[in-house]
């Protein structure tokens, strides 16, 4: 984890694997394929994200073998794995619109149902705060460049509209949770 309690790319892959197993046991091959598919579709194929090995999860006791061996081994999440999953799901998100943030937010929504109601609401607060910080940054940028020639202000206005829509959506989603 980074010093600001946010996930590294490898930890996002770990979150994906543990969350997938929390939804039900899978064979080694199914788990690897599922994690790879999700990460590739949200962020695109990035090697450093795939660095979290299923073997390492087994070695750390976060995943256990229920039956079989090799790619046909049926894996399940352990109690330690559930605790790690909760830790990963309740981390902060770094400010800014990066591909890694998009992946982490997607993973939070994919596995949010695995948290209790209070933790779910707290995660929405984190995402709302992140969007509001980003909105303030863009408004400041727009104010500074409001008289510039070119198309920058139009683009900033579009991004501001998107963020306002996101804040409204997140707030409504949080209200449904409570």
Protein backbone atom coordinates (compact mmCIF):
# COMPACT_ATOMS: atom_id res chain seq x y z
CA UNK A 1 0.00 0.00 0.00
CA UNK A 2 1.14 3.53 -0.66
CA UNK A 3 1.88 5.75 2.36
CA UNK A 4 -1.48 7.54 1.92
CA UNK A 5 -3.41 4.26 2.46
CA UNK A 6 -4.22 3.80 -1.24
CA UNK A 7 -3.77 0.68 -3.32
CA UNK A 8 -0.82 -0.10 -5.54
CA UNK A 9 -1.45 -1.75 -8.92
CA UNK A 10 -0.50 -5.17 -7.50
CA UNK A 11 -2.90 -4.74 -4.60
CA UNK A 12 -5.72 -3.97 -7.01
CA UNK A 13 -5.13 -7.39 -8.62
CA UNK A 14 -5.09 -8.95 -5.14
CA UNK A 15 -8.42 -7.22 -4.36
CA UNK A 16 -9.89 -8.57 -7.59
CA UNK A 17 -8.77 -12.14 -6.86
CA UNK A 18 -9.93 -12.16 -3.23
CA UNK A 19 -13.24 -10.49 -4.07
CA UNK A 20 -13.88 -12.99 -6.84
CA UNK A 21 -13.29 -15.87 -4.43
CA UNK A 22 -15.47 -14.23 -1.77
CA UNK A 23 -18.33 -14.59 -4.27
CA UNK A 24 -17.63 -18.32 -4.53
CA UNK A 25 -14.93 -20.97 -4.94
CA UNK A 26 -13.32 -21.24 -8.38
CA UNK A 27 -10.71 -23.37 -10.02
CA UNK A 28 -7.24 -21.90 -10.29
CA UNK A 29 -7.70 -21.46 -14.04
CA UNK A 30 -11.14 -19.83 -13.68
CA UNK A 31 -9.82 -17.42 -11.05
CA UNK A 32 -6.79 -16.43 -13.12
CA UNK A 33 -8.96 -15.94 -16.22
CA UNK A 34 -11.57 -13.94 -14.33
CA UNK A 35 -9.02 -11.59 -12.77
CA UNK A 36 -7.18 -11.11 -16.06
CA UNK A 37 -10.45 -10.44 -17.94
CA UNK A 38 -11.69 -7.83 -15.45
CA UNK A 39 -8.38 -5.99 -15.17
CA UNK A 40 -7.82 -5.99 -18.93
CA UNK A 41 -11.33 -4.67 -19.68
CA UNK A 42 -11.25 -1.87 -17.11
CA UNK A 43 -7.65 -0.71 -17.39
CA UNK A 44 -6.13 -2.53 -20.34
CA UNK A 45 -3.33 -5.10 -20.14
CA UNK A 46 -0.72 -3.78 -17.70
CA UNK A 47 2.01 -6.15 -16.55
CA UNK A 48 2.61 -4.59 -13.12
CA UNK A 49 -1.06 -5.08 -12.20
CA UNK A 50 -0.84 -8.81 -12.94
CA UNK A 51 2.17 -9.18 -10.64
CA UNK A 52 0.06 -10.45 -7.72
CA UNK A 53 0.30 -14.19 -8.09
CA UNK A 54 -2.37 -16.63 -6.97
CA UNK A 55 0.50 -18.73 -5.66
CA UNK A 56 1.47 -15.88 -3.35
CA UNK A 57 -2.12 -15.67 -2.06
CA UNK A 58 -1.96 -19.40 -1.28
CA UNK A 59 1.45 -19.06 0.38
CA UNK A 60 0.19 -16.19 2.57
CA UNK A 61 -2.81 -18.27 3.65
CA UNK A 62 -5.35 -15.91 2.07
CA UNK A 63 -6.56 -18.62 -0.31
CA UNK A 64 -6.95 -22.35 0.40
CA UNK A 65 -7.28 -25.35 -1.89
CA UNK A 66 -10.58 -27.13 -1.39
CA UNK A 67 -9.84 -29.95 -3.81
CA UNK A 68 -7.85 -30.91 -6.90
CA UNK A 69 -4.47 -29.73 -8.07
CA UNK A 70 -2.83 -27.55 -10.69
CA UNK A 71 -5.18 -25.44 -12.84
CA UNK A 72 -8.09 -27.66 -11.75
CA UNK A 73 -7.49 -27.00 -8.04
CA UNK A 74 -10.63 -25.49 -6.51
CA UNK A 75 -9.66 -22.40 -4.51
CA UNK A 76 -11.62 -20.66 -1.76
CA UNK A 77 -10.97 -17.56 0.31
CA UNK A 78 -9.78 -18.16 3.88
CA UNK A 79 -10.72 -16.19 7.00
CA UNK A 80 -7.41 -14.34 6.70
CA UNK A 81 -8.27 -13.67 3.07
CA UNK A 82 -11.63 -12.17 4.08
CA UNK A 83 -9.87 -9.87 6.55
CA UNK A 84 -7.38 -8.82 3.85
CA UNK A 85 -10.25 -8.26 1.41
CA UNK A 86 -11.98 -5.94 3.87
CA UNK A 87 -8.74 -4.01 4.38
CA UNK A 88 -8.26 -3.62 0.62
CA UNK A 89 -11.89 -2.63 0.03
CA UNK A 90 -11.82 0.10 2.68
CA UNK A 91 -8.71 1.94 1.48
CA UNK A 92 -8.74 5.50 0.21
CA UNK A 93 -8.55 6.49 -3.45
CA UNK A 94 -5.91 8.92 -4.65
CA UNK A 95 -7.12 12.18 -6.15
CA UNK A 96 -7.02 12.51 -9.90
CA UNK A 97 -8.45 10.73 -12.90
CA UNK A 98 -5.90 7.97 -13.48
CA UNK A 99 -6.37 4.53 -14.99
CA UNK A 100 -5.44 2.98 -11.64
CA UNK A 101 -8.14 5.01 -9.86
CA UNK A 102 -10.69 3.90 -12.43
CA UNK A 103 -9.73 0.30 -11.76
CA UNK A 104 -9.87 0.71 -7.97
CA UNK A 105 -13.26 2.42 -8.09
CA UNK A 106 -14.56 -0.34 -10.38
CA UNK A 107 -13.32 -2.97 -7.93
CA UNK A 108 -14.90 -1.16 -5.00
CA UNK A 109 -18.27 -1.17 -6.75
CA UNK A 110 -17.86 -4.77 -7.87
CA UNK A 111 -17.30 -5.98 -4.31
CA UNK A 112 -18.99 -3.27 -2.23
CA UNK A 113 -21.79 -5.68 -1.32
CA UNK A 114 -19.26 -7.70 0.70
CA UNK A 115 -18.94 -4.88 3.25
CA UNK A 116 -21.40 -4.02 6.00
CA UNK A 117 -23.71 -1.02 5.49
CA UNK A 118 -21.58 1.42 7.49
CA UNK A 119 -18.44 0.56 5.54
CA UNK A 120 -20.34 0.84 2.26
CA UNK A 121 -21.50 4.34 3.20
CA UNK A 122 -17.97 5.27 4.26
CA UNK A 123 -16.68 4.16 0.85
CA UNK A 124 -19.25 6.40 -0.84
CA UNK A 125 -18.04 9.31 1.32
CA UNK A 126 -14.48 8.64 0.14
CA UNK A 127 -15.57 8.60 -3.51
CA UNK A 128 -17.69 11.74 -3.10
CA UNK A 129 -14.79 13.55 -1.41
CA UNK A 130 -12.46 12.49 -4.20
CA UNK A 131 -14.86 13.79 -6.88
CA UNK A 132 -15.42 17.07 -5.00
CA UNK A 133 -11.65 17.61 -4.70
CA UNK A 134 -11.27 16.96 -8.42
CA UNK A 135 -14.15 19.34 -9.15
CA UNK A 136 -12.56 22.13 -7.08
CA UNK A 137 -9.27 21.61 -8.92
CA UNK A 138 -10.95 21.87 -12.32
CA UNK A 139 -12.98 24.94 -11.34
CA UNK A 140 -9.75 26.62 -10.24
CA UNK A 141 -8.12 25.66 -13.55
CA UNK A 142 -11.11 27.03 -15.48
CA UNK A 143 -11.04 30.29 -13.50
CA UNK A 144 -7.35 30.71 -14.24
CA UNK A 145 -7.70 30.02 -17.98
CA UNK A 146 -11.21 31.47 -18.53
CA UNK A 147 -9.97 34.14 -20.94
CA UNK A 148 -7.57 31.92 -22.91
CA UNK A 149 -8.05 31.37 -26.61
CA UNK A 150 -8.56 27.87 -27.89
CA UNK A 151 -10.80 25.09 -26.66
CA UNK A 152 -9.42 24.35 -23.21
CA UNK A 153 -12.32 25.99 -21.36
CA UNK A 154 -14.88 23.97 -23.35
CA UNK A 155 -13.10 20.76 -22.42
CA UNK A 156 -12.84 21.81 -18.75
CA UNK A 157 -16.56 22.65 -18.72
CA UNK A 158 -17.36 19.17 -20.06
CA UNK A 159 -15.18 17.58 -17.35
CA UNK A 160 -16.86 19.75 -14.69
CA UNK A 161 -20.28 18.59 -15.90
CA UNK A 162 -19.15 14.95 -15.72
CA UNK A 163 -17.86 15.40 -12.16
CA UNK A 164 -21.04 17.15 -11.02
CA UNK A 165 -23.05 14.26 -12.49
CA UNK A 166 -20.78 11.77 -10.72
CA UNK A 167 -21.20 13.55 -7.38
CA UNK A 168 -24.99 13.57 -7.81
CA UNK A 169 -25.00 9.88 -8.74
CA UNK A 170 -22.72 8.89 -5.83
CA UNK A 171 -24.84 10.89 -3.38
CA UNK A 172 -28.04 9.24 -4.63
CA UNK A 173 -26.38 5.82 -4.49
CA UNK A 174 -25.25 6.44 -0.91
CA UNK A 175 -28.80 7.50 0.04
CA UNK A 176 -30.09 4.16 -1.26
CA UNK A 177 -27.57 2.31 0.91
CA UNK A 178 -28.75 3.89 4.16
